[in-house]
Protein backbone atom coordinates (compact mmCIF):
# COMPACT_ATOMS: atom_id res chain seq x y z
CA MET A 1 -137.52 12.15 29.92
CA LEU A 2 -134.60 13.24 32.43
CA ARG A 3 -132.92 9.70 32.43
CA TRP A 4 -133.12 9.94 28.65
CA LEU A 5 -131.51 13.37 28.82
CA VAL A 6 -128.86 11.92 31.11
CA GLY A 7 -128.57 9.21 29.05
CA VAL A 8 -128.03 11.27 25.51
CA MET A 9 -125.51 13.49 27.73
CA VAL A 10 -123.26 10.17 28.73
CA LEU A 11 -123.54 8.70 25.30
CA VAL A 12 -121.95 11.98 24.29
CA LEU A 13 -119.74 12.56 26.60
CA VAL A 14 -118.33 8.12 26.23
CA VAL A 15 -118.07 9.83 22.49
CA VAL A 16 -116.07 13.20 22.48
CA GLY A 17 -113.71 11.05 24.76
CA GLY A 18 -113.34 8.29 22.75
CA VAL A 19 -112.80 10.69 19.81
CA SER A 20 -110.41 12.36 22.37
CA LEU A 21 -108.37 9.99 23.02
CA VAL A 22 -108.09 8.13 19.31
CA ALA A 23 -107.12 11.54 18.58
CA GLY A 24 -104.44 12.09 20.89
CA PHE A 25 -102.83 8.43 20.12
CA VAL A 26 -102.58 9.71 15.97
CA TRP A 27 -101.54 12.94 17.05
CA ASN A 28 -98.23 10.85 19.60
CA ASN A 29 -97.63 8.54 16.89
CA THR A 30 -96.87 11.48 14.14
CA VAL A 31 -95.01 13.67 16.97
CA ASP A 32 -92.74 10.25 17.11
CA ARG A 33 -92.56 10.32 13.57
CA GLU A 34 -91.56 13.58 13.22
CA VAL A 35 -88.99 13.27 15.95
CA ASP A 36 -87.38 10.38 14.50
CA LEU A 37 -86.77 12.40 11.07
CA PHE A 38 -85.66 15.24 12.57
CA LEU A 39 -83.25 13.69 14.33
CA ALA A 40 -81.87 11.71 11.34
CA GLY A 41 -78.39 11.63 10.88
CA THR A 42 -77.41 13.42 13.58
CA GLY A 43 -75.94 10.38 15.69
CA LEU A 44 -73.23 10.43 13.04
CA PRO A 45 -69.43 12.72 14.45
CA LEU A 46 -69.07 15.94 14.05
CA PHE A 47 -66.19 16.59 11.84
CA ASP A 48 -64.31 18.71 14.42
CA SER A 49 -65.91 16.83 17.84
CA GLN A 50 -62.49 17.86 19.70
CA PRO A 51 -62.90 18.96 23.24
CA ILE A 52 -63.42 23.09 23.30
CA GLN A 53 -59.83 24.74 23.80
CA ALA A 54 -59.50 28.03 25.88
CA GLN A 55 -58.34 29.99 22.72
CA ASP A 56 -61.50 28.69 20.92
CA LEU A 57 -62.68 31.90 22.98
CA ALA A 58 -59.90 34.26 22.19
CA GLU A 59 -62.10 36.07 19.57
CA LEU A 60 -65.16 36.92 21.39
CA PRO A 61 -66.49 39.72 23.54
CA GLU A 62 -65.34 39.43 27.10
CA PRO A 63 -68.77 39.34 28.10
CA VAL A 64 -69.57 35.85 26.18
CA ARG A 65 -66.06 34.71 26.83
CA ARG A 66 -67.12 34.71 30.90
CA TRP A 67 -70.19 33.49 30.43
CA LEU A 68 -68.86 31.00 28.45
CA ARG A 69 -66.28 30.09 30.88
CA GLN A 70 -68.58 30.07 33.87
CA ALA A 71 -70.41 27.39 31.60
CA ASN A 72 -67.85 25.16 31.56
CA VAL A 73 -67.83 24.81 27.98
CA VAL A 74 -63.95 24.70 27.99
CA GLY A 75 -62.98 21.25 27.87
CA ALA A 76 -66.75 19.93 26.66
CA LYS A 77 -67.06 18.63 23.32
CA PRO A 78 -69.59 20.64 21.12
CA VAL A 79 -73.25 19.31 21.58
CA ARG A 80 -74.64 17.81 18.75
CA THR A 81 -77.91 17.07 20.01
CA VAL A 82 -80.21 18.33 23.09
CA ARG A 83 -83.59 16.78 24.59
CA LEU A 84 -85.12 18.52 27.53
CA GLN A 85 -88.48 18.44 29.47
CA GLN A 86 -89.93 21.43 30.78
CA GLU A 87 -92.89 22.15 33.49
CA VAL A 88 -94.85 25.61 31.67
CA THR A 89 -97.42 27.81 32.34
CA LEU A 90 -99.12 30.15 29.53
CA ARG A 91 -102.06 32.61 28.80
CA LEU A 92 -103.14 33.62 25.07
CA ASP A 93 -103.42 37.36 26.59
CA SER A 94 -103.66 39.60 29.20
CA GLU A 95 -106.95 38.75 30.52
CA ALA A 96 -107.12 35.00 29.75
CA PRO A 97 -106.08 32.52 33.05
CA TRP A 98 -103.01 30.65 32.93
CA LEU A 99 -102.81 27.28 31.21
CA SER A 100 -100.23 24.49 32.84
CA GLY A 101 -98.74 21.57 31.22
CA SER A 102 -95.75 20.37 30.08
CA ALA A 103 -93.50 20.31 27.31
CA VAL A 104 -90.48 18.17 25.42
CA GLN A 105 -88.08 19.94 23.59
CA TYR A 106 -85.40 18.61 20.53
CA PHE A 107 -82.40 20.60 19.24
CA ARG A 108 -79.67 19.58 16.61
CA THR A 109 -77.03 22.04 16.28
CA ARG A 110 -74.90 20.91 13.00
CA GLU A 111 -78.50 21.72 11.07
CA PRO A 112 -79.60 24.52 13.45
CA GLY A 113 -83.12 23.33 14.46
CA PHE A 114 -85.93 22.65 17.30
CA LEU A 115 -88.78 20.47 17.81
CA TRP A 116 -91.45 21.66 20.59
CA HIS A 117 -94.39 19.49 21.90
CA VAL A 118 -96.60 20.60 24.53
CA ARG A 119 -99.95 19.82 26.36
CA LEU A 120 -101.71 21.81 28.29
CA ARG A 121 -104.76 21.39 30.81
CA MET A 122 -107.46 23.18 30.15
CA ASN A 123 -109.64 21.64 32.60
CA PRO A 124 -110.45 17.86 33.59
CA LEU A 125 -111.83 17.62 30.38
CA LEU A 126 -110.22 19.65 27.88
CA HIS A 127 -106.87 19.77 26.92
CA ILE A 128 -104.32 21.84 24.09
CA VAL A 129 -101.74 20.02 22.39
CA GLY A 130 -99.29 22.30 20.33
CA ARG A 131 -95.93 22.01 18.02
CA ASP A 132 -93.46 25.23 17.56
CA ARG A 133 -90.78 23.54 14.90
CA TYR A 134 -87.54 25.24 13.67
CA ALA A 135 -85.82 23.20 10.74
CA ASP A 136 -83.99 23.76 7.10
CA GLY A 137 -84.60 27.17 7.82
CA GLY A 138 -88.35 27.36 7.74
CA GLY A 139 -91.02 27.71 10.52
CA HIS A 140 -94.17 26.17 11.42
CA MET A 141 -96.71 26.21 14.62
CA GLN A 142 -99.44 24.26 15.27
CA ILE A 143 -101.95 24.34 18.05
CA MET A 144 -104.93 21.76 18.27
CA VAL A 145 -107.66 21.42 20.93
CA GLN A 146 -108.36 17.70 22.00
CA SER A 147 -105.28 16.94 19.76
CA LEU A 148 -108.53 17.16 17.28
CA PHE A 149 -109.49 20.73 16.31
CA PRO A 150 -106.83 22.88 14.64
CA VAL A 151 -106.87 26.52 15.98
CA VAL A 152 -103.48 27.54 15.03
CA ASP A 153 -101.48 26.48 11.83
CA ALA A 154 -99.04 28.75 10.91
CA ALA A 155 -95.94 29.19 8.49
CA GLY A 156 -94.28 32.14 6.73
CA ARG A 157 -91.48 34.62 6.70
CA GLU A 158 -92.45 35.89 10.04
CA ILE A 159 -92.66 32.57 11.78
CA ASP A 160 -89.40 31.51 9.95
CA GLN A 161 -87.96 35.00 11.78
CA GLY A 162 -89.41 34.04 15.03
CA THR A 163 -88.36 30.61 15.01
CA LEU A 164 -84.56 31.36 14.51
CA LEU A 165 -84.48 34.12 16.83
CA ARG A 166 -85.89 31.73 19.00
CA TYR A 167 -83.05 29.02 18.65
CA LEU A 168 -80.87 32.00 19.11
CA ALA A 169 -82.20 32.66 22.30
CA GLU A 170 -82.35 29.21 23.44
CA VAL A 171 -78.74 28.11 22.66
CA VAL A 172 -78.16 29.18 26.93
CA TRP A 173 -79.48 25.42 26.99
CA PHE A 174 -77.20 23.95 24.97
CA PRO A 175 -73.78 26.83 25.31
CA THR A 176 -71.22 24.94 23.35
CA ALA A 177 -73.73 26.51 20.30
CA ALA A 178 -72.36 29.97 20.72
CA LEU A 179 -69.27 29.16 19.33
CA ASP A 180 -71.08 28.46 16.00
CA ASP A 181 -69.51 30.36 13.12
CA ARG A 182 -73.03 31.47 11.68
CA ILE A 183 -73.45 33.11 15.04
CA GLN A 184 -71.67 36.86 15.23
CA TRP A 185 -71.10 38.48 18.15
CA GLN A 186 -70.35 41.97 19.16
CA ALA A 187 -69.63 44.00 22.83
CA VAL A 188 -72.22 46.08 23.66
CA ASP A 189 -70.45 46.78 26.97
CA GLU A 190 -69.20 44.93 30.25
CA GLY A 191 -72.53 43.11 31.10
CA ALA A 192 -73.97 42.68 27.23
CA ALA A 193 -73.02 41.37 23.80
CA GLN A 194 -75.08 41.62 20.22
CA ALA A 195 -76.08 37.87 18.67
CA ALA A 196 -76.58 38.12 15.11
CA MET A 197 -77.10 34.62 13.63
CA THR A 198 -77.33 33.78 9.65
CA TYR A 199 -79.29 30.76 8.64
CA GLY A 200 -81.26 29.77 5.73
CA GLY A 201 -81.62 33.16 4.09
CA VAL A 202 -82.86 34.58 7.22
CA THR A 203 -80.69 36.68 9.48
CA VAL A 204 -82.28 37.77 13.15
CA THR A 205 -80.10 39.74 16.14
CA GLY A 206 -80.46 39.93 20.21
CA MET A 207 -79.19 41.08 23.18
CA PHE A 208 -77.72 38.62 25.67
CA HIS A 209 -77.46 40.63 29.51
CA PHE A 210 -74.98 38.84 31.91
CA ASP A 211 -74.40 39.54 35.68
CA ALA A 212 -70.96 39.88 37.27
CA ALA A 213 -70.07 36.16 37.25
CA GLY A 214 -70.51 35.19 33.62
CA GLN A 215 -74.34 34.19 34.26
CA VAL A 216 -76.59 35.06 31.07
CA THR A 217 -79.62 36.45 32.56
CA ARG A 218 -81.93 38.44 30.05
CA PHE A 219 -82.36 38.33 26.17
CA GLU A 220 -83.98 40.84 24.38
CA ALA A 221 -85.00 41.37 20.70
CA GLN A 222 -87.31 42.48 18.14
CA ARG A 223 -89.81 39.09 17.13
CA TYR A 224 -92.85 39.19 14.98
CA LYS A 225 -96.18 39.32 16.78
CA GLU A 226 -99.20 37.76 15.66
CA SER A 227 -102.61 39.60 16.43
CA GLU A 228 -106.28 38.88 14.19
CA GLY A 229 -104.07 37.92 11.39
CA THR A 230 -101.54 40.65 11.08
CA TYR A 231 -97.91 40.90 11.75
CA SER A 232 -95.94 43.27 13.91
CA LEU A 233 -92.58 43.60 15.18
CA GLU A 234 -92.22 43.53 19.08
CA ASP A 235 -89.82 43.92 21.64
CA TRP A 236 -89.55 40.09 23.28
CA ILE A 237 -87.82 39.64 26.39
CA ILE A 238 -86.65 36.45 28.30
CA THR A 239 -85.98 37.01 31.62
CA MET A 240 -83.53 33.91 33.11
CA THR A 241 -84.15 33.59 36.96
CA ALA A 242 -82.41 30.22 37.75
CA HIS A 243 -79.10 28.51 36.82
CA ARG A 244 -77.89 24.86 37.50
CA SER A 245 -75.01 22.59 36.38
CA ALA A 246 -76.51 19.91 33.69
CA ALA A 247 -73.98 16.90 32.28
CA GLY A 248 -71.35 19.31 33.14
CA LEU A 249 -72.77 22.84 31.88
CA VAL A 250 -74.12 25.42 33.61
CA ILE A 251 -77.21 26.74 31.98
CA PRO A 252 -80.48 28.74 33.21
CA THR A 253 -83.33 26.44 34.39
CA LYS A 254 -86.25 29.01 34.95
CA ALA A 255 -87.36 31.91 32.15
CA ASP A 256 -90.08 34.02 32.03
CA VAL A 257 -91.12 35.38 28.44
CA THR A 258 -93.17 38.85 28.00
CA TRP A 259 -93.82 41.00 24.92
CA ARG A 260 -93.32 44.85 25.50
CA LEU A 261 -96.19 46.43 24.00
CA ALA A 262 -96.74 49.75 23.45
CA GLU A 263 -100.47 49.51 25.86
CA GLY A 264 -97.78 47.94 29.09
CA ASP A 265 -95.92 44.42 29.10
CA PHE A 266 -97.38 41.39 28.37
CA HIS A 267 -96.10 38.54 30.34
CA TRP A 268 -97.50 35.41 28.62
CA PHE A 269 -95.21 32.25 28.95
CA SER A 270 -93.00 30.45 32.23
CA CYS A 271 -91.36 27.48 32.16
CA GLU A 272 -88.52 25.68 34.58
CA VAL A 273 -86.22 23.04 32.71
CA THR A 274 -86.90 19.71 34.55
CA ALA A 275 -84.63 17.30 32.93
CA ILE A 276 -81.87 17.78 30.16
CA GLU A 277 -79.62 15.26 28.23
CA TYR A 278 -76.68 15.99 25.26
CA THR A 279 -75.40 14.02 22.94
CA PHE A 280 -71.95 15.26 21.91
């Protein structure tokens, strides 16, 4: 009997493992096709691909000018696309364990959008894959266990708001996009400026904070948060803790993301950019 039970358990593990491998192969192929579609046409030159000049910053608030100058935007060509790699940790709630993994993210700037694909390790046998997408003015989020079992499949106006807001916050990784006409800047004080971005019929606003050297250190906004099937606007805060030069641009490389909730702060996500590539 014991041998029979062991044999059955081994067979189940083999079958589950095989199904997971096939599902992973299908997921990876889907990701590759989606990236190809997302980047289609982005290789075409921009109408104005001349290097950015100092006078191009003249109408911006002083904190934003200071940030872009120290980020080496002056003299750089506008970024068309971005591919970056991250090491990430996240947790689903304040009592849940931290999960670690890696992510790849693509951005395009002429038609603002991003694709973020992540793979997280739950234990030696289980993993989670996820995809966050913003394209053509709409957002879509998917999360699957073992690349097979869907646990999140979300879209709608709240997701559209959240993904556009994420794009706005993450222009710090390709700072030439701060000059996009769809982003309107307003000074708050010497160390902060508010940005409002309109695209796809949605407008989002957020506050960028800068240190004395001009480096961006924090982003704050109100973003829709889902809880048990309902959404509420909550304070969403990104703290940037390290910076370095990448392809000539100075960008943040480490960040922590926190929800500021009535019951207390919930730090749920951290990432480190390990590699980044641009097309200009």
